[in-house]
Amino acid sequence: MAYVPAPGYQPTYNPTLPYNQPIPGGLSIGMSIYIQGVADEKMKRFQVNFAVGQDPGADIAFHFNPRFDGWDKVVFNSQQGGRWGNEERKRSMPFSKGAPFELVFMIMAEHYKVVVNGNPFYEFGHRLPLQMVTHLQVNGDLHLQSINFLGGQFTPNQGPMGLPPHHGPGPNHHLLASLPPVPFTAKLQGGLTARRTIIIKGYVLPTAKSFAINFKVGSSGDLALHINPRMGEGAVVRNTCVRGSWGSEERKVAHNPFGPGQFFDLSIRCGTDRFKVYNNGQHLFDYSHRLPAFQTVDTLEINGDITLSYVQV
């Protein structure tokens, strides 16, 4: 059962280091680059470069370099003609040795906005034109889980926290702004159609007990699919609620990615006879439709002990 990425959402899972690949379509205002990984237990440093070309000596528009060296800090710089520019530093370390992280670079009109684990961390002013940047480079003391390039269309309207909204490819796909609040509700324009895929990227809080994802019929309140990870039970419960009555629970999963302090990248694909759910590109479970008229589902609800970094509906 092959993983089918959603339109406009094609992450690279488990890329090898050193990573040095073209940025699809190049950099543009409104784009976000999501990097998920785990810092090495003995981490000393790693770097992320927005480079002008693939060659080792290529100019670097933005060099992001966390360093564990006794004076834990993150260094920011650029390199032109083989020479480094004026170094900027922040004596604060948002990464922990051995811990998972989510690092987001948001491309703004005046700067790169760096967000770590959902928290704004730094803004680095542009020193080279965005149009010159062609490659993303990642290397150092970390394990990469996924890299994803999202958005890239600029609109004058700003999303939450001043972040640019992203607009997806097609009338039934709308990429919501990064870092949406929880509880979260979104309307599914056109209803839940076959082959439609919902993307949910988030983080399970360290003290989490449970959270829920509901595919709801707004007019009746019926839930076609209720996904309810419960940390205390180590279970991922699925069910359907029709006219206030719950059906039988399903709990079997190929693996459970929803541990406290863990990041997840869910892809929920609606088929003609079932939902297919993946995490980080790996099959998690199927759920046969119990509500025959699944097209009447018009609302997505997310609540509980998580933070969200990105949702596409």
C-alpha atoms as a PDB file:
ATOM      1  CA  MET A   1       0.000   0.000   0.000  1.00  0.00           C
ATOM      2  CA  ALA A   2       2.093   2.870  -1.293  1.00  0.00           C
ATOM      3  CA  TYR A   3       2.173   6.276   0.343  1.00  0.00           C
ATOM      4  CA  VAL A   4       0.630   8.905  -1.952  1.00  0.00           C
ATOM      5  CA  PRO A   5       1.695  12.459  -1.075  1.00  0.00           C
ATOM      6  CA  ALA A   6      -0.867  15.235  -1.087  1.00  0.00           C
ATOM      7  CA  PRO A   7      -0.728  17.781  -3.917  1.00  0.00           C
ATOM      8  CA  GLY A   8       1.910  20.384  -3.123  1.00  0.00           C
ATOM      9  CA  TYR A   9       3.238  18.324  -0.218  1.00  0.00           C
ATOM     10  CA  GLN A  10       6.134  16.035  -1.074  1.00  0.00           C
ATOM     11  CA  PRO A  11       8.524  15.675   1.851  1.00  0.00           C
ATOM     12  CA  THR A  12      11.809  13.807   1.737  1.00  0.00           C
ATOM     13  CA  TYR A  13      11.830  11.252   4.544  1.00  0.00           C
ATOM     14  CA  ASN A  14      15.039  10.063   6.234  1.00  0.00           C
ATOM     15  CA  PRO A  15      17.463  11.940   3.945  1.00  0.00           C
ATOM     16  CA  THR A  16      21.122  11.036   4.323  1.00  0.00           C
ATOM     17  CA  LEU A  17      23.881  13.409   5.410  1.00  0.00           C
ATOM     18  CA  PRO A  18      25.439  15.469   4.057  1.00  0.00           C
ATOM     19  CA  TYR A  19      22.240  16.770   2.449  1.00  0.00           C
ATOM     20  CA  ASN A  20      22.833  19.046  -0.556  1.00  0.00           C
ATOM     21  CA  GLN A  21      19.818  19.285  -2.835  1.00  0.00           C
ATOM     22  CA  PRO A  22      18.104  21.842  -5.082  1.00  0.00           C
ATOM     23  CA  ILE A  23      15.260  23.887  -3.627  1.00  0.00           C
ATOM     24  CA  PRO A  24      12.236  23.128  -5.858  1.00  0.00           C
ATOM     25  CA  GLY A  25      11.439  26.287  -7.796  1.00  0.00           C
ATOM     26  CA  GLY A  26      14.018  28.275  -5.827  1.00  0.00           C
ATOM     27  CA  LEU A  27      13.375  30.495  -2.813  1.00  0.00           C
ATOM     28  CA  SER A  28      10.502  32.961  -2.791  1.00  0.00           C
ATOM     29  CA  ILE A  29       8.704  35.097  -0.242  1.00  0.00           C
ATOM     30  CA  GLY A  30       6.071  33.133   1.644  1.00  0.00           C
ATOM     31  CA  MET A  31       7.931  29.840   1.417  1.00  0.00           C
ATOM     32  CA  SER A  32       8.640  27.707   4.495  1.00  0.00           C
ATOM     33  CA  ILE A  33      11.252  24.975   4.867  1.00  0.00           C
ATOM     34  CA  TYR A  34      10.481  22.377   7.536  1.00  0.00           C
ATOM     35  CA  ILE A  35      13.319  20.250   8.918  1.00  0.00           C
ATOM     36  CA  GLN A  36      12.575  17.524  11.456  1.00  0.00           C
ATOM     37  CA  GLY A  37      15.317  15.534  13.109  1.00  0.00           C
ATOM     38  CA  VAL A  38      17.016  14.405  16.291  1.00  0.00           C
ATOM     39  CA  ALA A  39      20.116  16.032  17.764  1.00  0.00           C
ATOM     40  CA  ASP A  40      22.975  13.614  18.443  1.00  0.00           C
ATOM     41  CA  GLU A  41      23.600  12.628  22.060  1.00  0.00           C
ATOM     42  CA  LYS A  42      27.144  13.987  21.658  1.00  0.00           C
ATOM     43  CA  MET A  43      26.230  16.918  19.452  1.00  0.00           C
ATOM     44  CA  LYS A  44      28.897  19.574  19.018  1.00  0.00           C
ATOM     45  CA  ARG A  45      27.455  21.466  16.051  1.00  0.00           C
ATOM     46  CA  PHE A  46      25.442  21.258  12.862  1.00  0.00           C
ATOM     47  CA  GLN A  47      24.684  23.672  10.057  1.00  0.00           C
ATOM     48  CA  VAL A  48      21.987  24.563   7.572  1.00  0.00           C
ATOM     49  CA  ASN A  49      23.066  26.588   4.531  1.00  0.00           C
ATOM     50  CA  PHE A  50      20.993  28.373   1.922  1.00  0.00           C
ATOM     51  CA  ALA A  51      23.554  28.150  -0.869  1.00  0.00           C
ATOM     52  CA  VAL A  52      24.086  29.740  -4.280  1.00  0.00           C
ATOM     53  CA  GLY A  53      24.843  26.505  -6.118  1.00  0.00           C
ATOM     54  CA  GLN A  54      25.868  22.981  -5.178  1.00  0.00           C
ATOM     55  CA  ASP A  55      29.653  23.302  -5.233  1.00  0.00           C
ATOM     56  CA  PRO A  56      31.619  23.239  -1.941  1.00  0.00           C
ATOM     57  CA  GLY A  57      32.874  26.800  -2.439  1.00  0.00           C
ATOM     58  CA  ALA A  58      29.509  28.282  -3.412  1.00  0.00           C
ATOM     59  CA  ASP A  59      28.333  31.510  -1.805  1.00  0.00           C
ATOM     60  CA  ILE A  60      26.033  31.077   1.191  1.00  0.00           C
ATOM     61  CA  ALA A  61      23.138  33.494   1.596  1.00  0.00           C
ATOM     62  CA  PHE A  62      22.323  32.259   5.102  1.00  0.00           C
ATOM     63  CA  HIS A  63      24.432  30.034   7.368  1.00  0.00           C
ATOM     64  CA  PHE A  64      22.618  28.685  10.467  1.00  0.00           C
ATOM     65  CA  ASN A  65      25.047  27.039  12.893  1.00  0.00           C
ATOM     66  CA  PRO A  66      24.146  25.818  16.416  1.00  0.00           C
ATOM     67  CA  ARG A  67      27.277  25.115  18.503  1.00  0.00           C
ATOM     68  CA  PHE A  68      27.601  23.202  21.758  1.00  0.00           C
ATOM     69  CA  ASP A  69      31.081  24.304  22.828  1.00  0.00           C
ATOM     70  CA  GLY A  70      30.820  25.385  26.432  1.00  0.00           C
ATOM     71  CA  TRP A  71      29.301  28.687  25.381  1.00  0.00           C
ATOM     72  CA  ASP A  72      26.209  27.204  23.782  1.00  0.00           C
ATOM     73  CA  LYS A  73      25.092  29.508  21.014  1.00  0.00           C
ATOM     74  CA  VAL A  74      23.756  29.734  17.488  1.00  0.00           C
ATOM     75  CA  VAL A  75      25.831  31.541  14.860  1.00  0.00           C
ATOM     76  CA  PHE A  76      24.317  33.235  11.796  1.00  0.00           C
ATOM     77  CA  ASN A  77      26.317  34.482   8.816  1.00  0.00           C
ATOM     78  CA  SER A  78      26.699  34.647   5.044  1.00  0.00           C
ATOM     79  CA  GLN A  79      29.635  33.916   2.749  1.00  0.00           C
ATOM     80  CA  GLN A  80      30.462  35.717  -0.487  1.00  0.00           C
ATOM     81  CA  GLY A  81      33.507  35.173  -2.669  1.00  0.00           C
ATOM     82  CA  GLY A  82      34.989  32.793  -0.114  1.00  0.00           C
ATOM     83  CA  ARG A  83      34.781  35.374   2.674  1.00  0.00           C
ATOM     84  CA  TRP A  84      32.492  35.248   5.678  1.00  0.00           C
ATOM     85  CA  GLY A  85      30.516  38.357   6.522  1.00  0.00           C
ATOM     86  CA  ASN A  86      29.797  39.869   9.922  1.00  0.00           C
ATOM     87  CA  GLU A  87      28.847  37.109  12.325  1.00  0.00           C
ATOM     88  CA  GLU A  88      25.608  37.369  14.270  1.00  0.00           C
ATOM     89  CA  ARG A  89      25.174  35.303  17.431  1.00  0.00           C
ATOM     90  CA  LYS A  90      22.490  34.351  19.896  1.00  0.00           C
ATOM     91  CA  ARG A  91      23.719  32.909  23.189  1.00  0.00           C
ATOM     92  CA  SER A  92      20.735  30.648  23.555  1.00  0.00           C
ATOM     93  CA  MET A  93      20.416  26.994  22.581  1.00  0.00           C
ATOM     94  CA  PRO A  94      16.954  25.813  21.472  1.00  0.00           C
ATOM     95  CA  PHE A  95      18.205  22.272  20.748  1.00  0.00           C
ATOM     96  CA  SER A  96      18.825  19.554  23.342  1.00  0.00           C
ATOM     97  CA  LYS A  97      21.253  16.685  22.896  1.00  0.00           C
ATOM     98  CA  GLY A  98      19.436  13.478  21.994  1.00  0.00           C
ATOM     99  CA  ALA A  99      16.087  15.251  21.603  1.00  0.00           C
ATOM    100  CA  PRO A 100      13.821  15.525  18.542  1.00  0.00           C
ATOM    101  CA  PHE A 101      13.290  18.966  17.032  1.00  0.00           C
ATOM    102  CA  GLU A 102      11.414  20.811  14.328  1.00  0.00           C
ATOM    103  CA  LEU A 103      13.282  23.657  12.645  1.00  0.00           C
ATOM    104  CA  VAL A 104      11.353  25.971  10.323  1.00  0.00           C
ATOM    105  CA  PHE A 105      12.786  28.669   8.059  1.00  0.00           C
ATOM    106  CA  MET A 106      10.159  31.147   6.864  1.00  0.00           C
ATOM    107  CA  ILE A 107      11.125  33.307   3.925  1.00  0.00           C
ATOM    108  CA  MET A 108       9.932  36.838   4.623  1.00  0.00           C
ATOM    109  CA  ALA A 109      10.353  39.982   2.529  1.00  0.00           C
ATOM    110  CA  GLU A 110      13.153  41.403   4.700  1.00  0.00           C
ATOM    111  CA  HIS A 111      14.587  38.378   6.471  1.00  0.00           C
ATOM    112  CA  TYR A 112      14.672  34.661   7.188  1.00  0.00           C
ATOM    113  CA  LYS A 113      12.458  33.932  10.195  1.00  0.00           C
ATOM    114  CA  VAL A 114      13.731  30.971  12.230  1.00  0.00           C
ATOM    115  CA  VAL A 115      11.253  29.008  14.351  1.00  0.00           C
ATOM    116  CA  VAL A 116      12.387  26.121  16.584  1.00  0.00           C
ATOM    117  CA  ASN A 117       9.853  23.742  18.117  1.00  0.00           C
ATOM    118  CA  GLY A 118       7.079  26.233  17.446  1.00  0.00           C
ATOM    119  CA  ASN A 119       8.884  29.174  19.073  1.00  0.00           C
ATOM    120  CA  PRO A 120      10.186  32.147  17.045  1.00  0.00           C
ATOM    121  CA  PHE A 121      13.970  32.178  17.577  1.00  0.00           C
ATOM    122  CA  TYR A 122      15.711  34.641  15.252  1.00  0.00           C
ATOM    123  CA  GLU A 123      15.404  36.878  12.207  1.00  0.00           C
ATOM    124  CA  PHE A 124      18.351  37.113   9.818  1.00  0.00           C
ATOM    125  CA  GLY A 125      18.224  39.986   7.333  1.00  0.00           C
ATOM    126  CA  HIS A 126      18.759  39.183   3.664  1.00  0.00           C
ATOM    127  CA  ARG A 127      22.311  39.881   2.473  1.00  0.00           C
ATOM    128  CA  LEU A 128      21.986  38.195  -0.937  1.00  0.00           C
ATOM    129  CA  PRO A 129      18.938  38.282  -3.223  1.00  0.00           C
ATOM    130  CA  LEU A 130      16.579  35.356  -2.676  1.00  0.00           C
ATOM    131  CA  GLN A 131      16.614  34.599  -6.395  1.00  0.00           C
ATOM    132  CA  MET A 132      20.279  33.602  -6.164  1.00  0.00           C
ATOM    133  CA  VAL A 133      19.664  30.786  -3.662  1.00  0.00           C
ATOM    134  CA  THR A 134      19.357  27.394  -5.353  1.00  0.00           C
ATOM    135  CA  HIS A 135      20.333  24.699  -2.823  1.00  0.00           C
ATOM    136  CA  LEU A 136      19.707  23.668   0.760  1.00  0.00           C
ATOM    137  CA  GLN A 137      22.629  22.069   2.602  1.00  0.00           C
ATOM    138  CA  VAL A 138      22.404  20.281   5.963  1.00  0.00           C
ATOM    139  CA  ASN A 139      25.229  18.506   7.786  1.00  0.00           C
ATOM    140  CA  GLY A 140      26.630  17.867  11.241  1.00  0.00           C
ATOM    141  CA  ASP A 141      25.746  16.059  14.445  1.00  0.00           C
ATOM    142  CA  LEU A 142      22.103  15.226  13.830  1.00  0.00           C
ATOM    143  CA  HIS A 143      19.808  12.629  12.314  1.00  0.00           C
ATOM    144  CA  LEU A 144      17.369  13.915   9.696  1.00  0.00           C
ATOM    145  CA  GLN A 145      13.815  12.576   9.675  1.00  0.00           C
ATOM    146  CA  SER A 146      12.237  14.796   7.028  1.00  0.00           C
ATOM    147  CA  ILE A 147      12.716  17.924   4.924  1.00  0.00           C
ATOM    148  CA  ASN A 148       9.823  19.687   3.254  1.00  0.00           C
ATOM    149  CA  PHE A 149       9.484  22.821   1.115  1.00  0.00           C
ATOM    150  CA  LEU A 150       6.071  24.465   1.397  1.00  0.00           C
ATOM    151  CA  GLY A 151       4.328  27.470  -0.080  1.00  0.00           C
ATOM    152  CA  GLY A 152       6.073  30.108  -2.087  1.00  0.00           C
ATOM    153  CA  GLN A 153       3.216  32.291  -3.255  1.00  0.00           C
ATOM    154  CA  PHE A 154       3.143  35.757  -1.773  1.00  0.00           C
ATOM    155  CA  THR A 155      -0.028  37.623  -0.891  1.00  0.00           C
ATOM    156  CA  PRO A 156      -0.228  41.011   0.826  1.00  0.00           C
ATOM    157  CA  ASN A 157      -2.425  39.597   3.602  1.00  0.00           C
ATOM    158  CA  GLN A 158      -0.514  38.229   6.555  1.00  0.00           C
ATOM    159  CA  GLY A 159      -1.493  35.146   8.499  1.00  0.00           C
ATOM    160  CA  PRO A 160      -1.349  34.584  12.266  1.00  0.00           C
ATOM    161  CA  MET A 161       1.725  36.002  14.041  1.00  0.00           C
ATOM    162  CA  GLY A 162       2.542  37.973  10.890  1.00  0.00           C
ATOM    163  CA  LEU A 163       3.346  34.822   8.978  1.00  0.00           C
ATOM    164  CA  PRO A 164       2.562  34.654   5.268  1.00  0.00           C
ATOM    165  CA  PRO A 165      -0.353  32.408   4.347  1.00  0.00           C
ATOM    166  CA  HIS A 166       0.210  29.600   1.877  1.00  0.00           C
ATOM    167  CA  HIS A 167      -2.156  28.756  -0.917  1.00  0.00           C
ATOM    168  CA  GLY A 168      -2.289  25.305  -2.344  1.00  0.00           C
ATOM    169  CA  PRO A 169      -2.552  23.979  -5.853  1.00  0.00           C
ATOM    170  CA  GLY A 170      -6.209  23.671  -6.718  1.00  0.00           C
ATOM    171  CA  PRO A 171      -9.639  24.801  -5.573  1.00  0.00           C
ATOM    172  CA  ASN A 172     -10.046  22.132  -2.883  1.00  0.00           C
ATOM    173  CA  HIS A 173      -6.643  22.491  -1.250  1.00  0.00           C
ATOM    174  CA  HIS A 174      -5.777  25.420   0.976  1.00  0.00           C
ATOM    175  CA  LEU A 175      -2.529  25.514   2.884  1.00  0.00           C
ATOM    176  CA  LEU A 176      -3.150  27.141   6.223  1.00  0.00           C
ATOM    177  CA  ALA A 177      -0.670  29.432   7.900  1.00  0.00           C
ATOM    178  CA  SER A 178       2.036  27.868  10.023  1.00  0.00           C
ATOM    179  CA  LEU A 179       1.614  27.430  13.779  1.00  0.00           C
ATOM    180  CA  PRO A 180      -2.205  27.329  13.900  1.00  0.00           C
ATOM    181  CA  PRO A 181      -3.662  27.405  17.436  1.00  0.00           C
ATOM    182  CA  VAL A 182      -5.148  24.450  19.314  1.00  0.00           C
ATOM    183  CA  PRO A 183      -8.073  23.793  19.520  1.00  0.00           C
ATOM    184  CA  PHE A 184      -8.209  24.068  15.743  1.00  0.00           C
ATOM    185  CA  THR A 185     -11.190  24.020  13.376  1.00  0.00           C
ATOM    186  CA  ALA A 186     -11.189  24.227   9.578  1.00  0.00           C
ATOM    187  CA  LYS A 187     -13.898  23.965   6.962  1.00  0.00           C
ATOM    188  CA  LEU A 188     -13.317  21.427   4.202  1.00  0.00           C
ATOM    189  CA  GLN A 189     -14.341  23.395   1.147  1.00  0.00           C
ATOM    190  CA  GLY A 190     -16.286  21.137  -1.222  1.00  0.00           C
ATOM    191  CA  GLY A 191     -16.629  18.432   1.433  1.00  0.00           C
ATOM    192  CA  LEU A 192     -14.522  15.333   1.957  1.00  0.00           C
ATOM    193  CA  THR A 193     -14.063  13.897  -1.524  1.00  0.00           C
ATOM    194  CA  ALA A 194     -12.357  10.663  -2.515  1.00  0.00           C
ATOM    195  CA  ARG A 195      -8.576  11.009  -2.995  1.00  0.00           C
ATOM    196  CA  ARG A 196      -8.473  14.122  -0.845  1.00  0.00           C
ATOM    197  CA  THR A 197      -5.566  14.150   1.607  1.00  0.00           C
ATOM    198  CA  ILE A 198      -5.327  16.067   4.875  1.00  0.00           C
ATOM    199  CA  ILE A 199      -1.880  16.852   6.293  1.00  0.00           C
ATOM    200  CA  ILE A 200      -1.340  17.473  10.016  1.00  0.00           C
ATOM    201  CA  LYS A 201       2.137  18.221  11.407  1.00  0.00           C
ATOM    202  CA  GLY A 202       2.412  18.616  15.145  1.00  0.00           C
ATOM    203  CA  TYR A 203       4.129  17.925  18.443  1.00  0.00           C
ATOM    204  CA  VAL A 204       2.870  15.843  21.365  1.00  0.00           C
ATOM    205  CA  LEU A 205       3.433  17.811  24.562  1.00  0.00           C
ATOM    206  CA  PRO A 206       5.742  16.128  27.125  1.00  0.00           C
ATOM    207  CA  THR A 207       2.889  16.058  29.666  1.00  0.00           C
ATOM    208  CA  ALA A 208       0.268  14.962  27.119  1.00  0.00           C
ATOM    209  CA  LYS A 209      -2.551  12.618  28.105  1.00  0.00           C
ATOM    210  CA  SER A 210      -4.502  12.571  24.832  1.00  0.00           C
ATOM    211  CA  PHE A 211      -5.578  14.492  21.759  1.00  0.00           C
ATOM    212  CA  ALA A 212      -8.235  14.074  19.089  1.00  0.00           C
ATOM    213  CA  ILE A 213      -8.679  14.596  15.360  1.00  0.00           C
ATOM    214  CA  ASN A 214     -12.303  14.655  14.196  1.00  0.00           C
ATOM    215  CA  PHE A 215     -13.783  14.533  10.700  1.00  0.00           C
ATOM    216  CA  LYS A 216     -17.194  16.044  11.374  1.00  0.00           C
ATOM    217  CA  VAL A 217     -20.505  16.672   9.623  1.00  0.00           C
ATOM    218  CA  GLY A 218     -21.217  20.222  10.707  1.00  0.00           C
ATOM    219  CA  SER A 219     -25.000  20.086  10.319  1.00  0.00           C
ATOM    220  CA  SER A 220     -25.511  16.961  12.459  1.00  0.00           C
ATOM    221  CA  GLY A 221     -22.389  16.774  14.605  1.00  0.00           C
ATOM    222  CA  ASP A 222     -21.736  13.216  13.394  1.00  0.00           C
ATOM    223  CA  LEU A 223     -18.088  12.123  13.408  1.00  0.00           C
ATOM    224  CA  ALA A 224     -17.114  10.009  10.399  1.00  0.00           C
ATOM    225  CA  LEU A 225     -13.651   9.434  11.869  1.00  0.00           C
ATOM    226  CA  HIS A 226     -12.456  10.158  15.401  1.00  0.00           C
ATOM    227  CA  ILE A 227      -8.715   9.593  15.925  1.00  0.00           C
ATOM    228  CA  ASN A 228      -7.808   9.646  19.620  1.00  0.00           C
ATOM    229  CA  PRO A 229      -4.211   8.882  20.660  1.00  0.00           C
ATOM    230  CA  ARG A 230      -4.089   8.194  24.409  1.00  0.00           C
ATOM    231  CA  MET A 231      -0.610   8.449  25.883  1.00  0.00           C
ATOM    232  CA  GLY A 232      -1.416   6.740  29.183  1.00  0.00           C
ATOM    233  CA  GLU A 233      -2.749   3.676  27.377  1.00  0.00           C
ATOM    234  CA  GLY A 234      -0.225   3.744  24.548  1.00  0.00           C
ATOM    235  CA  ALA A 235      -3.221   3.444  22.230  1.00  0.00           C
ATOM    236  CA  VAL A 236      -4.461   5.110  19.050  1.00  0.00           C
ATOM    237  CA  VAL A 237      -8.242   4.769  19.285  1.00  0.00           C
ATOM    238  CA  ARG A 238     -10.472   5.201  16.223  1.00  0.00           C
ATOM    239  CA  ASN A 239     -14.247   5.344  16.157  1.00  0.00           C
ATOM    240  CA  THR A 240     -17.362   6.825  14.555  1.00  0.00           C
ATOM    241  CA  CYS A 241     -20.191   8.692  16.274  1.00  0.00           C
ATOM    242  CA  VAL A 242     -23.615   8.851  14.567  1.00  0.00           C
ATOM    243  CA  ARG A 243     -26.584  10.601  16.185  1.00  0.00           C
ATOM    244  CA  GLY A 244     -24.726  10.701  19.473  1.00  0.00           C
ATOM    245  CA  SER A 245     -24.014   6.973  19.528  1.00  0.00           C
ATOM    246  CA  TRP A 246     -20.440   5.648  19.402  1.00  0.00           C
ATOM    247  CA  GLY A 247     -19.557   2.513  17.458  1.00  0.00           C
ATOM    248  CA  SER A 248     -16.943  -0.108  18.306  1.00  0.00           C
ATOM    249  CA  GLU A 249     -13.378   1.064  18.869  1.00  0.00           C
ATOM    250  CA  GLU A 250     -10.443   0.097  16.669  1.00  0.00           C
ATOM    251  CA  ARG A 251      -6.973   0.186  18.229  1.00  0.00           C
ATOM    252  CA  LYS A 252      -4.535  -1.868  16.152  1.00  0.00           C
ATOM    253  CA  VAL A 253      -1.687   0.137  14.578  1.00  0.00           C
ATOM    254  CA  ALA A 254       1.485  -0.787  12.712  1.00  0.00           C
ATOM    255  CA  HIS A 255       3.404   1.491  15.094  1.00  0.00           C
ATOM    256  CA  ASN A 256       2.533   4.240  17.556  1.00  0.00           C
ATOM    257  CA  PRO A 257       4.302   7.541  16.797  1.00  0.00           C
ATOM    258  CA  PHE A 258       2.416   9.577  19.404  1.00  0.00           C
ATOM    259  CA  GLY A 259       4.693   9.394  22.433  1.00  0.00           C
ATOM    260  CA  PRO A 260       5.089  12.420  24.720  1.00  0.00           C
ATOM    261  CA  GLY A 261       7.668  14.844  23.318  1.00  0.00           C
ATOM    262  CA  GLN A 262       7.438  13.395  19.800  1.00  0.00           C
ATOM    263  CA  PHE A 263       6.786  15.124  16.478  1.00  0.00           C
ATOM    264  CA  PHE A 264       4.381  13.619  13.968  1.00  0.00           C
ATOM    265  CA  ASP A 265       3.603  14.154  10.295  1.00  0.00           C
ATOM    266  CA  LEU A 266       0.188  12.658   9.526  1.00  0.00           C
ATOM    267  CA  SER A 267      -1.227  12.121   6.051  1.00  0.00           C
ATOM    268  CA  ILE A 268      -4.924  11.169   6.138  1.00  0.00           C
ATOM    269  CA  ARG A 269      -6.190  10.123   2.714  1.00  0.00           C
ATOM    270  CA  CYS A 270      -9.884   9.603   2.036  1.00  0.00           C
ATOM    271  CA  GLY A 271     -10.600   6.724  -0.344  1.00  0.00           C
ATOM    272  CA  THR A 272     -13.886   5.488  -1.777  1.00  0.00           C
ATOM    273  CA  ASP A 273     -14.230   2.791   0.896  1.00  0.00           C
ATOM    274  CA  ARG A 274     -11.825   3.779   3.693  1.00  0.00           C
ATOM    275  CA  PHE A 275      -9.417   6.266   5.184  1.00  0.00           C
ATOM    276  CA  LYS A 276      -5.710   5.480   4.812  1.00  0.00           C
ATOM    277  CA  VAL A 277      -3.511   7.049   7.460  1.00  0.00           C
ATOM    278  CA  TYR A 278       0.276   7.426   7.277  1.00  0.00           C
ATOM    279  CA  ASN A 279       2.879   8.943   9.589  1.00  0.00           C
ATOM    280  CA  ASN A 280       6.200  10.116   8.125  1.00  0.00           C
ATOM    281  CA  GLY A 281       5.288   8.222   4.958  1.00  0.00           C
ATOM    282  CA  GLN A 282       4.791   4.911   6.798  1.00  0.00           C
ATOM    283  CA  HIS A 283       1.401   3.201   6.863  1.00  0.00           C
ATOM    284  CA  LEU A 284      -0.251   3.547  10.283  1.00  0.00           C
ATOM    285  CA  PHE A 285      -3.786   2.159   9.834  1.00  0.00           C
ATOM    286  CA  ASP A 286      -6.834   1.947   7.558  1.00  0.00           C
ATOM    287  CA  TYR A 287     -10.356   2.795   8.695  1.00  0.00           C
ATOM    288  CA  SER A 288     -13.331   1.600   6.652  1.00  0.00           C
ATOM    289  CA  HIS A 289     -16.083   4.163   6.123  1.00  0.00           C
ATOM    290  CA  ARG A 290     -18.953   3.700   8.567  1.00  0.00           C
ATOM    291  CA  LEU A 291     -20.687   6.860   7.433  1.00  0.00           C
ATOM    292  CA  PRO A 292     -21.625   5.969   3.818  1.00  0.00           C
ATOM    293  CA  ALA A 293     -22.151   9.606   2.817  1.00  0.00           C
ATOM    294  CA  PHE A 294     -18.601  10.606   3.790  1.00  0.00           C
ATOM    295  CA  GLN A 295     -18.863  13.494   1.320  1.00  0.00           C
ATOM    296  CA  THR A 296     -21.059  15.262   3.900  1.00  0.00           C
ATOM    297  CA  VAL A 297     -18.023  15.680   6.170  1.00  0.00           C
ATOM    298  CA  ASP A 298     -17.214  19.391   6.000  1.00  0.00           C
ATOM    299  CA  THR A 299     -15.256  20.158   9.168  1.00  0.00           C
ATOM    300  CA  LEU A 300     -11.877  19.182  10.618  1.00  0.00           C
ATOM    301  CA  GLU A 301     -11.427  19.570  14.371  1.00  0.00           C
ATOM    302  CA  ILE A 302      -8.200  19.080  16.338  1.00  0.00           C
ATOM    303  CA  ASN A 303      -7.922  19.448  20.097  1.00  0.00           C
ATOM    304  CA  GLY A 304      -5.980  18.167  23.082  1.00  0.00           C
ATOM    305  CA  ASP A 305      -2.422  18.076  24.359  1.00  0.00           C
ATOM    306  CA  ILE A 306      -0.485  18.988  21.205  1.00  0.00           C
ATOM    307  CA  THR A 307       0.839  21.960  19.304  1.00  0.00           C
ATOM    308  CA  LEU A 308       0.413  22.259  15.548  1.00  0.00           C
ATOM    309  CA  SER A 309       3.064  23.475  13.122  1.00  0.00           C
ATOM    310  CA  TYR A 310       1.235  22.996   9.821  1.00  0.00           C
ATOM    311  CA  VAL A 311      -2.145  21.848   8.516  1.00  0.00           C
ATOM    312  CA  GLN A 312      -3.220  21.363   4.900  1.00  0.00           C
ATOM    313  CA  VAL A 313      -6.860  20.666   4.101  1.00  0.00           C
END
